[in-house]
Amino acid sequence: MTVFGERLSGALETYGPLCVGIDPHAALLADWGLPASAAGVREFGLRVVEAARGRVGVVKPQVAFFERYGSAGFAALEDVQLAARDAGLVVIADAKRGDIGSTMDGYAAAWLEPGAPLEADAVTVSPYLGPGSLRGTITAAARAGKGVFVLAATSNPEAFGLQSAEVTAVDAQRGQTVADWVASGVGWANRAAADAGGLGHVGLVVGATVDRDELGLTEESLRGAPILAPGFGAQGVALGAVRSVFGSLAAQVIASASRSVLAAGPDGIVSAIEAHRRELAEAEEETHG
């Protein structure tokens, strides 16, 4: 198991699969009585961190909602991520960065290098310049004991046409889909951890609302990969359905919920987190009878 895989596994075993998104979009800021400013998103993020502390193992700040406020927004994100990491939370920066060569190396240094102002435990990345474009980032993450989450089968409906398309690349198998080609193309980094029965440091974003069979996404290509699964809560999939949706892969799943938690407001967020945790725990108890 990798350093990141060990830490993530420990968080999931202790707190369960719930991941709380930190998404301070304008409507939520207004509902929370906070200004639409860098100061507002900072306060929002810190309140979510405090509510998550000791209740969940993972949080996922959505970088765009901080970035919109420029340098002050990034400074706010630095404070939120530092507070979250100090609280013992695994922080997945949802930045969806993707490029080639030295540019991707720069992104890796920004988000994954120990001591960097924006240091997170993992970052989301885009593979659509080819899975090979992520090799340097994957290697840098391993050296730093960090993780990456690669977009493979996203929950937005319009992605299906792209991710289910058949790949014509020379390294693809006949009939292989883009989604499976991406997952297979980064899976080399998880093989040792998977063979040892653990989680690797290269995760995959696989929406809870997608049909993996229709996307041609095989269980072999997902072996050993942490699975960041959006689509729970407000997007329509009940948290209690983690096992029915993901089957034998359920233990690898990080169930991401944002609006269904954050809509409870600053006074109700703790209760919302606890309710989400109970739903997950009750479903697991029913499964094991």
C-alpha atoms as a PDB file:
ATOM      1  CA  MET A   1       0.000   0.000   0.000  1.00  0.00           C
ATOM      2  CA  THR A   2       1.247   3.508  -0.761  1.00  0.00           C
ATOM      3  CA  VAL A   3       1.682   6.262   1.829  1.00  0.00           C
ATOM      4  CA  PHE A   4      -1.396   8.049   0.489  1.00  0.00           C
ATOM      5  CA  GLY A   5      -3.281   4.766   0.227  1.00  0.00           C
ATOM      6  CA  GLU A   6      -2.504   3.949   3.851  1.00  0.00           C
ATOM      7  CA  ARG A   7      -3.674   7.323   5.079  1.00  0.00           C
ATOM      8  CA  LEU A   8      -6.831   7.223   3.000  1.00  0.00           C
ATOM      9  CA  SER A   9      -7.616   3.646   4.069  1.00  0.00           C
ATOM     10  CA  GLY A  10      -7.232   4.667   7.704  1.00  0.00           C
ATOM     11  CA  ALA A  11      -9.616   7.590   7.228  1.00  0.00           C
ATOM     12  CA  LEU A  12     -12.221   5.406   5.511  1.00  0.00           C
ATOM     13  CA  GLU A  13     -11.971   2.692   8.163  1.00  0.00           C
ATOM     14  CA  THR A  14     -12.348   5.215  10.992  1.00  0.00           C
ATOM     15  CA  TYR A  15     -15.044   7.502   9.596  1.00  0.00           C
ATOM     16  CA  GLY A  16     -16.603   5.675   6.656  1.00  0.00           C
ATOM     17  CA  PRO A  17     -16.696   6.739   3.000  1.00  0.00           C
ATOM     18  CA  LEU A  18     -18.349  10.155   3.316  1.00  0.00           C
ATOM     19  CA  CYS A  19     -16.428  13.047   1.771  1.00  0.00           C
ATOM     20  CA  VAL A  20     -17.760  16.552   2.374  1.00  0.00           C
ATOM     21  CA  GLY A  21     -17.349  19.011  -0.467  1.00  0.00           C
ATOM     22  CA  ILE A  22     -16.348  22.575   0.290  1.00  0.00           C
ATOM     23  CA  ASP A  23     -18.194  24.426  -2.478  1.00  0.00           C
ATOM     24  CA  PRO A  24     -18.823  28.064  -1.511  1.00  0.00           C
ATOM     25  CA  HIS A  25     -20.803  29.149  -4.568  1.00  0.00           C
ATOM     26  CA  ALA A  26     -22.621  32.462  -4.482  1.00  0.00           C
ATOM     27  CA  ALA A  27     -26.074  31.142  -3.541  1.00  0.00           C
ATOM     28  CA  LEU A  28     -24.700  29.207  -0.578  1.00  0.00           C
ATOM     29  CA  LEU A  29     -22.670  32.166   0.627  1.00  0.00           C
ATOM     30  CA  ALA A  30     -25.881  34.228   0.641  1.00  0.00           C
ATOM     31  CA  ASP A  31     -27.772  31.460   2.464  1.00  0.00           C
ATOM     32  CA  TRP A  32     -25.019  31.317   5.066  1.00  0.00           C
ATOM     33  CA  GLY A  33     -25.110  35.109   5.534  1.00  0.00           C
ATOM     34  CA  LEU A  34     -21.599  35.530   4.155  1.00  0.00           C
ATOM     35  CA  PRO A  35     -20.306  38.053   1.607  1.00  0.00           C
ATOM     36  CA  ALA A  36     -19.464  36.994  -1.947  1.00  0.00           C
ATOM     37  CA  SER A  37     -15.781  37.712  -1.440  1.00  0.00           C
ATOM     38  CA  ALA A  38     -12.505  36.081  -0.526  1.00  0.00           C
ATOM     39  CA  ALA A  39     -13.285  36.730   3.126  1.00  0.00           C
ATOM     40  CA  GLY A  40     -16.643  35.028   2.666  1.00  0.00           C
ATOM     41  CA  VAL A  41     -15.271  31.862   1.076  1.00  0.00           C
ATOM     42  CA  ARG A  42     -12.547  31.695   3.712  1.00  0.00           C
ATOM     43  CA  GLU A  43     -15.082  31.845   6.534  1.00  0.00           C
ATOM     44  CA  PHE A  44     -17.326  29.350   4.760  1.00  0.00           C
ATOM     45  CA  GLY A  45     -14.466  26.903   4.257  1.00  0.00           C
ATOM     46  CA  LEU A  46     -13.237  27.152   7.836  1.00  0.00           C
ATOM     47  CA  ARG A  47     -16.751  26.516   9.180  1.00  0.00           C
ATOM     48  CA  VAL A  48     -17.075  23.398   7.013  1.00  0.00           C
ATOM     49  CA  VAL A  49     -13.686  22.168   8.213  1.00  0.00           C
ATOM     50  CA  GLU A  50     -14.722  22.631  11.835  1.00  0.00           C
ATOM     51  CA  ALA A  51     -17.979  20.743  11.235  1.00  0.00           C
ATOM     52  CA  ALA A  52     -16.114  17.930   9.464  1.00  0.00           C
ATOM     53  CA  ARG A  53     -13.407  17.599  12.106  1.00  0.00           C
ATOM     54  CA  GLY A  54     -13.735  14.267  13.894  1.00  0.00           C
ATOM     55  CA  ARG A  55     -16.836  13.334  11.873  1.00  0.00           C
ATOM     56  CA  VAL A  56     -15.518  12.516   8.393  1.00  0.00           C
ATOM     57  CA  GLY A  57     -12.125  11.582   7.053  1.00  0.00           C
ATOM     58  CA  VAL A  58     -12.082  13.454   3.743  1.00  0.00           C
ATOM     59  CA  VAL A  59     -12.976  16.920   2.463  1.00  0.00           C
ATOM     60  CA  LYS A  60     -12.872  18.200  -1.106  1.00  0.00           C
ATOM     61  CA  PRO A  61     -12.534  21.958  -1.677  1.00  0.00           C
ATOM     62  CA  GLN A  62     -13.768  23.016  -5.118  1.00  0.00           C
ATOM     63  CA  VAL A  63     -10.944  25.282  -6.255  1.00  0.00           C
ATOM     64  CA  ALA A  64     -13.028  27.275  -8.765  1.00  0.00           C
ATOM     65  CA  PHE A  65     -15.137  28.906  -6.050  1.00  0.00           C
ATOM     66  CA  PHE A  66     -11.983  30.289  -4.439  1.00  0.00           C
ATOM     67  CA  GLU A  67     -10.128  31.064  -7.659  1.00  0.00           C
ATOM     68  CA  ARG A  68     -12.878  33.421  -8.808  1.00  0.00           C
ATOM     69  CA  TYR A  69     -11.654  35.940  -6.201  1.00  0.00           C
ATOM     70  CA  GLY A  70      -8.115  36.050  -7.574  1.00  0.00           C
ATOM     71  CA  SER A  71      -5.061  36.102  -5.353  1.00  0.00           C
ATOM     72  CA  ALA A  72      -7.141  36.804  -2.246  1.00  0.00           C
ATOM     73  CA  GLY A  73      -9.275  33.765  -3.070  1.00  0.00           C
ATOM     74  CA  PHE A  74      -6.221  31.559  -3.387  1.00  0.00           C
ATOM     75  CA  ALA A  75      -4.973  32.902  -0.051  1.00  0.00           C
ATOM     76  CA  ALA A  76      -8.339  31.934   1.449  1.00  0.00           C
ATOM     77  CA  LEU A  77      -8.001  28.440  -0.035  1.00  0.00           C
ATOM     78  CA  GLU A  78      -4.512  28.121   1.453  1.00  0.00           C
ATOM     79  CA  ASP A  79      -5.948  28.890   4.891  1.00  0.00           C
ATOM     80  CA  VAL A  80      -8.836  26.442   4.469  1.00  0.00           C
ATOM     81  CA  GLN A  81      -6.644  23.594   3.242  1.00  0.00           C
ATOM     82  CA  LEU A  82      -4.076  24.175   5.974  1.00  0.00           C
ATOM     83  CA  ALA A  83      -6.806  24.159   8.627  1.00  0.00           C
ATOM     84  CA  ALA A  84      -8.242  20.955   7.181  1.00  0.00           C
ATOM     85  CA  ARG A  85      -4.898  19.187   7.118  1.00  0.00           C
ATOM     86  CA  ASP A  86      -4.154  20.395  10.661  1.00  0.00           C
ATOM     87  CA  ALA A  87      -7.529  18.884  11.666  1.00  0.00           C
ATOM     88  CA  GLY A  88      -6.353  15.507  10.396  1.00  0.00           C
ATOM     89  CA  LEU A  89      -8.611  15.524   7.335  1.00  0.00           C
ATOM     90  CA  VAL A  90      -7.514  14.116   3.981  1.00  0.00           C
ATOM     91  CA  VAL A  91      -7.761  17.064   1.596  1.00  0.00           C
ATOM     92  CA  ILE A  92      -8.546  16.463  -2.077  1.00  0.00           C
ATOM     93  CA  ALA A  93      -8.144  19.719  -4.007  1.00  0.00           C
ATOM     94  CA  ASP A  94     -10.697  19.588  -6.822  1.00  0.00           C
ATOM     95  CA  ALA A  95      -8.666  21.547  -9.358  1.00  0.00           C
ATOM     96  CA  LYS A  96      -8.953  19.291 -12.460  1.00  0.00           C
ATOM     97  CA  ARG A  97      -5.573  20.342 -13.806  1.00  0.00           C
ATOM     98  CA  GLY A  98      -4.259  18.826 -17.018  1.00  0.00           C
ATOM     99  CA  ASP A  99      -1.400  19.650 -19.384  1.00  0.00           C
ATOM    100  CA  ILE A 100       1.885  18.212 -20.619  1.00  0.00           C
ATOM    101  CA  GLY A 101       5.553  18.328 -19.683  1.00  0.00           C
ATOM    102  CA  SER A 102       6.902  21.117 -17.521  1.00  0.00           C
ATOM    103  CA  THR A 103       3.485  22.757 -17.199  1.00  0.00           C
ATOM    104  CA  MET A 104       2.044  19.664 -15.534  1.00  0.00           C
ATOM    105  CA  ASP A 105       5.147  19.474 -13.370  1.00  0.00           C
ATOM    106  CA  GLY A 106       4.326  22.999 -12.223  1.00  0.00           C
ATOM    107  CA  TYR A 107       0.806  21.986 -11.257  1.00  0.00           C
ATOM    108  CA  ALA A 108       2.163  18.990  -9.358  1.00  0.00           C
ATOM    109  CA  ALA A 109       4.554  21.241  -7.451  1.00  0.00           C
ATOM    110  CA  ALA A 110       1.767  23.708  -6.654  1.00  0.00           C
ATOM    111  CA  TRP A 111      -0.670  21.163  -5.204  1.00  0.00           C
ATOM    112  CA  LEU A 112       1.398  18.213  -4.036  1.00  0.00           C
ATOM    113  CA  GLU A 113       4.833  19.439  -2.990  1.00  0.00           C
ATOM    114  CA  PRO A 114       5.264  19.372   0.807  1.00  0.00           C
ATOM    115  CA  GLY A 115       5.393  22.915   2.142  1.00  0.00           C
ATOM    116  CA  ALA A 116       3.815  24.492  -0.955  1.00  0.00           C
ATOM    117  CA  PRO A 117       1.281  27.218  -0.128  1.00  0.00           C
ATOM    118  CA  LEU A 118      -1.541  25.228  -1.775  1.00  0.00           C
ATOM    119  CA  GLU A 119      -0.394  21.847  -0.472  1.00  0.00           C
ATOM    120  CA  ALA A 120      -3.169  19.247  -0.457  1.00  0.00           C
ATOM    121  CA  ASP A 121      -3.111  15.506   0.106  1.00  0.00           C
ATOM    122  CA  ALA A 122      -4.365  14.864  -3.417  1.00  0.00           C
ATOM    123  CA  VAL A 123      -5.521  16.765  -6.479  1.00  0.00           C
ATOM    124  CA  THR A 124      -7.937  15.968  -9.291  1.00  0.00           C
ATOM    125  CA  VAL A 125      -6.380  15.889 -12.771  1.00  0.00           C
ATOM    126  CA  SER A 126      -7.624  15.625 -16.352  1.00  0.00           C
ATOM    127  CA  PRO A 127      -6.242  12.892 -18.643  1.00  0.00           C
ATOM    128  CA  TYR A 128      -7.550  14.246 -21.936  1.00  0.00           C
ATOM    129  CA  LEU A 129      -4.108  15.102 -23.277  1.00  0.00           C
ATOM    130  CA  GLY A 130      -3.481  11.371 -22.938  1.00  0.00           C
ATOM    131  CA  PRO A 131      -2.878   9.277 -19.800  1.00  0.00           C
ATOM    132  CA  GLY A 132       0.867   9.445 -20.487  1.00  0.00           C
ATOM    133  CA  SER A 133       0.779  13.202 -19.855  1.00  0.00           C
ATOM    134  CA  LEU A 134       0.156  12.411 -16.170  1.00  0.00           C
ATOM    135  CA  ARG A 135       3.145  10.115 -15.668  1.00  0.00           C
ATOM    136  CA  GLY A 136       5.339  12.853 -14.194  1.00  0.00           C
ATOM    137  CA  THR A 137       2.588  14.000 -11.834  1.00  0.00           C
ATOM    138  CA  ILE A 138       1.891  10.433 -10.721  1.00  0.00           C
ATOM    139  CA  THR A 139       5.596   9.911 -10.024  1.00  0.00           C
ATOM    140  CA  ALA A 140       5.898  13.215  -8.167  1.00  0.00           C
ATOM    141  CA  ALA A 141       2.859  12.344  -6.058  1.00  0.00           C
ATOM    142  CA  ALA A 142       4.396   9.004  -5.090  1.00  0.00           C
ATOM    143  CA  ARG A 143       7.650  10.666  -4.058  1.00  0.00           C
ATOM    144  CA  ALA A 144       5.741  13.122  -1.855  1.00  0.00           C
ATOM    145  CA  GLY A 145       3.401  10.508  -0.370  1.00  0.00           C
ATOM    146  CA  LYS A 146       0.460  12.212  -2.086  1.00  0.00           C
ATOM    147  CA  GLY A 147      -2.386  11.142  -4.343  1.00  0.00           C
ATOM    148  CA  VAL A 148      -4.003  12.105  -7.635  1.00  0.00           C
ATOM    149  CA  PHE A 149      -7.565  11.470  -8.819  1.00  0.00           C
ATOM    150  CA  VAL A 150      -7.899  11.073 -12.572  1.00  0.00           C
ATOM    151  CA  LEU A 151     -11.168  11.888 -14.347  1.00  0.00           C
ATOM    152  CA  ALA A 152     -12.386   8.597 -15.830  1.00  0.00           C
ATOM    153  CA  ALA A 153     -16.187   8.377 -15.791  1.00  0.00           C
ATOM    154  CA  THR A 154     -17.667  11.667 -14.662  1.00  0.00           C
ATOM    155  CA  SER A 155     -21.280  12.058 -13.555  1.00  0.00           C
ATOM    156  CA  ASN A 156     -22.278  14.821 -15.994  1.00  0.00           C
ATOM    157  CA  PRO A 157     -24.513  13.300 -18.723  1.00  0.00           C
ATOM    158  CA  GLU A 158     -22.797  15.061 -21.635  1.00  0.00           C
ATOM    159  CA  ALA A 159     -19.532  13.261 -20.848  1.00  0.00           C
ATOM    160  CA  PHE A 160     -20.932   9.893 -21.914  1.00  0.00           C
ATOM    161  CA  GLY A 161     -20.355  10.464 -25.637  1.00  0.00           C
ATOM    162  CA  LEU A 162     -16.666  11.094 -25.080  1.00  0.00           C
ATOM    163  CA  GLN A 163     -15.928   8.580 -22.350  1.00  0.00           C
ATOM    164  CA  SER A 164     -17.772   5.704 -24.044  1.00  0.00           C
ATOM    165  CA  ALA A 165     -16.112   6.308 -27.421  1.00  0.00           C
ATOM    166  CA  GLU A 166     -13.805   3.623 -28.761  1.00  0.00           C
ATOM    167  CA  VAL A 167     -10.118   4.477 -28.617  1.00  0.00           C
ATOM    168  CA  THR A 168      -7.988   4.289 -31.756  1.00  0.00           C
ATOM    169  CA  ALA A 169      -4.631   4.839 -30.016  1.00  0.00           C
ATOM    170  CA  VAL A 170      -1.923   2.285 -30.786  1.00  0.00           C
ATOM    171  CA  ASP A 171      -1.721   1.155 -27.158  1.00  0.00           C
ATOM    172  CA  ALA A 172      -5.464   0.534 -26.853  1.00  0.00           C
ATOM    173  CA  GLN A 173      -7.114  -2.851 -27.002  1.00  0.00           C
ATOM    174  CA  ARG A 174      -9.679  -3.455 -29.718  1.00  0.00           C
ATOM    175  CA  GLY A 175     -13.024  -1.963 -28.652  1.00  0.00           C
ATOM    176  CA  GLN A 176     -11.582  -0.284 -25.559  1.00  0.00           C
ATOM    177  CA  THR A 177     -13.439   2.820 -24.405  1.00  0.00           C
ATOM    178  CA  VAL A 178     -11.833   6.126 -23.484  1.00  0.00           C
ATOM    179  CA  ALA A 179     -12.885   5.611 -19.846  1.00  0.00           C
ATOM    180  CA  ASP A 180     -11.219   2.210 -19.615  1.00  0.00           C
ATOM    181  CA  TRP A 181      -8.169   3.372 -21.583  1.00  0.00           C
ATOM    182  CA  VAL A 182      -7.697   6.204 -19.084  1.00  0.00           C
ATOM    183  CA  ALA A 183      -8.113   3.897 -16.076  1.00  0.00           C
ATOM    184  CA  SER A 184      -5.786   1.281 -17.561  1.00  0.00           C
ATOM    185  CA  GLY A 185      -3.303   3.933 -18.625  1.00  0.00           C
ATOM    186  CA  VAL A 186      -2.689   5.090 -15.050  1.00  0.00           C
ATOM    187  CA  GLY A 187      -3.294   1.757 -13.327  1.00  0.00           C
ATOM    188  CA  TRP A 188       0.366   0.750 -13.492  1.00  0.00           C
ATOM    189  CA  ALA A 189       1.001   2.975 -10.477  1.00  0.00           C
ATOM    190  CA  ASN A 190      -1.401   0.962  -8.292  1.00  0.00           C
ATOM    191  CA  ARG A 191      -0.347  -2.576  -9.193  1.00  0.00           C
ATOM    192  CA  ALA A 192       1.988  -3.203  -6.261  1.00  0.00           C
ATOM    193  CA  ALA A 193      -0.538  -1.841  -3.751  1.00  0.00           C
ATOM    194  CA  ALA A 194      -3.371  -3.809  -5.366  1.00  0.00           C
ATOM    195  CA  ASP A 195      -1.359  -7.034  -5.324  1.00  0.00           C
ATOM    196  CA  ALA A 196      -0.825  -6.473  -1.589  1.00  0.00           C
ATOM    197  CA  GLY A 197      -4.563  -5.980  -1.064  1.00  0.00           C
ATOM    198  CA  GLY A 198      -4.382  -2.222  -0.463  1.00  0.00           C
ATOM    199  CA  LEU A 199      -5.054   1.091  -2.144  1.00  0.00           C
ATOM    200  CA  GLY A 200      -2.629   2.866  -4.426  1.00  0.00           C
ATOM    201  CA  HIS A 201      -2.043   6.582  -4.767  1.00  0.00           C
ATOM    202  CA  VAL A 202      -3.733   7.017  -8.147  1.00  0.00           C
ATOM    203  CA  GLY A 203      -7.461   7.344  -7.719  1.00  0.00           C
ATOM    204  CA  LEU A 204     -10.159   7.590 -10.353  1.00  0.00           C
ATOM    205  CA  VAL A 205     -13.222   9.812 -10.512  1.00  0.00           C
ATOM    206  CA  VAL A 206     -16.160   7.516 -11.274  1.00  0.00           C
ATOM    207  CA  GLY A 207     -19.617   9.022 -10.887  1.00  0.00           C
ATOM    208  CA  ALA A 208     -22.225   7.163  -8.863  1.00  0.00           C
ATOM    209  CA  THR A 209     -24.764   7.962 -11.579  1.00  0.00           C
ATOM    210  CA  VAL A 210     -22.870   6.310 -14.455  1.00  0.00           C
ATOM    211  CA  ASP A 211     -23.277   2.794 -15.811  1.00  0.00           C
ATOM    212  CA  ARG A 212     -19.768   1.342 -15.738  1.00  0.00           C
ATOM    213  CA  ASP A 213     -20.729  -1.476 -18.092  1.00  0.00           C
ATOM    214  CA  GLU A 214     -21.969   0.978 -20.731  1.00  0.00           C
ATOM    215  CA  LEU A 215     -18.689   2.839 -20.397  1.00  0.00           C
ATOM    216  CA  GLY A 216     -16.691  -0.371 -20.722  1.00  0.00           C
ATOM    217  CA  LEU A 217     -14.958   0.359 -17.430  1.00  0.00           C
ATOM    218  CA  THR A 218     -13.646  -2.971 -16.172  1.00  0.00           C
ATOM    219  CA  GLU A 219     -13.062  -3.989 -12.576  1.00  0.00           C
ATOM    220  CA  GLU A 220      -9.500  -4.971 -13.497  1.00  0.00           C
ATOM    221  CA  SER A 221      -8.696  -1.388 -14.525  1.00  0.00           C
ATOM    222  CA  LEU A 222     -10.138  -0.153 -11.203  1.00  0.00           C
ATOM    223  CA  ARG A 223      -8.176  -2.613  -9.073  1.00  0.00           C
ATOM    224  CA  GLY A 224      -6.349  -0.907  -6.210  1.00  0.00           C
ATOM    225  CA  ALA A 225      -7.615   2.549  -7.174  1.00  0.00           C
ATOM    226  CA  PRO A 226      -9.357   4.815  -4.670  1.00  0.00           C
ATOM    227  CA  ILE A 227     -12.651   5.802  -6.318  1.00  0.00           C
ATOM    228  CA  LEU A 228     -13.860   9.368  -5.841  1.00  0.00           C
ATOM    229  CA  ALA A 229     -17.576   9.120  -6.558  1.00  0.00           C
ATOM    230  CA  PRO A 230     -19.632  12.287  -7.122  1.00  0.00           C
ATOM    231  CA  GLY A 231     -23.357  11.940  -7.664  1.00  0.00           C
ATOM    232  CA  PHE A 232     -24.536  11.176  -4.142  1.00  0.00           C
ATOM    233  CA  GLY A 233     -27.015  13.313  -2.233  1.00  0.00           C
ATOM    234  CA  ALA A 234     -28.346  16.259  -4.247  1.00  0.00           C
ATOM    235  CA  GLN A 235     -27.338  14.636  -7.562  1.00  0.00           C
ATOM    236  CA  GLY A 236     -29.815  11.846  -6.981  1.00  0.00           C
ATOM    237  CA  VAL A 237     -28.076   8.723  -5.670  1.00  0.00           C
ATOM    238  CA  ALA A 238     -28.798   7.782  -2.058  1.00  0.00           C
ATOM    239  CA  LEU A 239     -25.725   7.374   0.121  1.00  0.00           C
ATOM    240  CA  GLY A 240     -27.057   4.033   1.280  1.00  0.00           C
ATOM    241  CA  ALA A 241     -26.630   2.767  -2.279  1.00  0.00           C
ATOM    242  CA  VAL A 242     -22.810   2.773  -2.209  1.00  0.00           C
ATOM    243  CA  ARG A 243     -22.604  -1.006  -2.082  1.00  0.00           C
ATOM    244  CA  SER A 244     -25.423  -1.648  -4.545  1.00  0.00           C
ATOM    245  CA  VAL A 245     -23.885   0.800  -7.040  1.00  0.00           C
ATOM    246  CA  PHE A 246     -20.245  -0.231  -6.679  1.00  0.00           C
ATOM    247  CA  GLY A 247     -20.552  -3.859  -5.571  1.00  0.00           C
ATOM    248  CA  SER A 248     -17.194  -5.468  -4.835  1.00  0.00           C
ATOM    249  CA  LEU A 249     -15.500  -2.082  -5.293  1.00  0.00           C
ATOM    250  CA  ALA A 250     -17.453  -0.457  -2.431  1.00  0.00           C
ATOM    251  CA  ALA A 251     -14.527  -0.535   0.011  1.00  0.00           C
ATOM    252  CA  GLN A 252     -12.549   1.673  -2.405  1.00  0.00           C
ATOM    253  CA  VAL A 253     -15.236   4.350  -2.679  1.00  0.00           C
ATOM    254  CA  ILE A 254     -15.090   7.909  -1.369  1.00  0.00           C
ATOM    255  CA  ALA A 255     -18.713   9.073  -1.487  1.00  0.00           C
ATOM    256  CA  SER A 256     -18.700  12.786  -2.225  1.00  0.00           C
ATOM    257  CA  ALA A 257     -21.622  14.922  -1.052  1.00  0.00           C
ATOM    258  CA  SER A 258     -21.708  18.706  -1.192  1.00  0.00           C
ATOM    259  CA  ARG A 259     -25.056  20.438  -1.650  1.00  0.00           C
ATOM    260  CA  SER A 260     -26.982  17.921   0.459  1.00  0.00           C
ATOM    261  CA  VAL A 261     -24.690  18.779   3.383  1.00  0.00           C
ATOM    262  CA  LEU A 262     -23.973  22.451   2.777  1.00  0.00           C
ATOM    263  CA  ALA A 263     -27.613  23.401   2.172  1.00  0.00           C
ATOM    264  CA  ALA A 264     -28.254  22.746   5.868  1.00  0.00           C
ATOM    265  CA  GLY A 265     -26.541  26.044   6.620  1.00  0.00           C
ATOM    266  CA  PRO A 266     -23.994  26.915   9.296  1.00  0.00           C
ATOM    267  CA  ASP A 267     -26.306  25.895  12.130  1.00  0.00           C
ATOM    268  CA  GLY A 268     -27.374  22.615  10.557  1.00  0.00           C
ATOM    269  CA  ILE A 269     -24.247  21.315   8.875  1.00  0.00           C
ATOM    270  CA  VAL A 270     -23.131  19.140  11.802  1.00  0.00           C
ATOM    271  CA  SER A 271     -26.557  17.487  11.954  1.00  0.00           C
ATOM    272  CA  ALA A 272     -26.495  16.986   8.177  1.00  0.00           C
ATOM    273  CA  ILE A 273     -23.084  15.308   8.330  1.00  0.00           C
ATOM    274  CA  GLU A 274     -24.261  13.023  11.122  1.00  0.00           C
ATOM    275  CA  ALA A 275     -27.417  12.135   9.175  1.00  0.00           C
ATOM    276  CA  HIS A 276     -25.345  11.246   6.117  1.00  0.00           C
ATOM    277  CA  ARG A 277     -23.068   9.091   8.239  1.00  0.00           C
ATOM    278  CA  ARG A 278     -26.032   7.273   9.787  1.00  0.00           C
ATOM    279  CA  GLU A 279     -27.469   6.543   6.348  1.00  0.00           C
ATOM    280  CA  LEU A 280     -24.185   4.990   5.276  1.00  0.00           C
ATOM    281  CA  ALA A 281     -23.781   3.005   8.509  1.00  0.00           C
ATOM    282  CA  GLU A 282     -27.355   1.673   8.439  1.00  0.00           C
ATOM    283  CA  ALA A 283     -26.957   0.519   4.836  1.00  0.00           C
ATOM    284  CA  GLU A 284     -23.741  -1.281   5.720  1.00  0.00           C
ATOM    285  CA  GLU A 285     -25.407  -2.982   8.695  1.00  0.00           C
ATOM    286  CA  GLU A 286     -28.263  -4.167   6.478  1.00  0.00           C
ATOM    287  CA  THR A 287     -25.752  -5.589   4.003  1.00  0.00           C
ATOM    288  CA  HIS A 288     -23.967  -7.615   6.656  1.00  0.00           C
ATOM    289  CA  GLY A 289     -27.221  -8.592   8.349  1.00  0.00           C
END
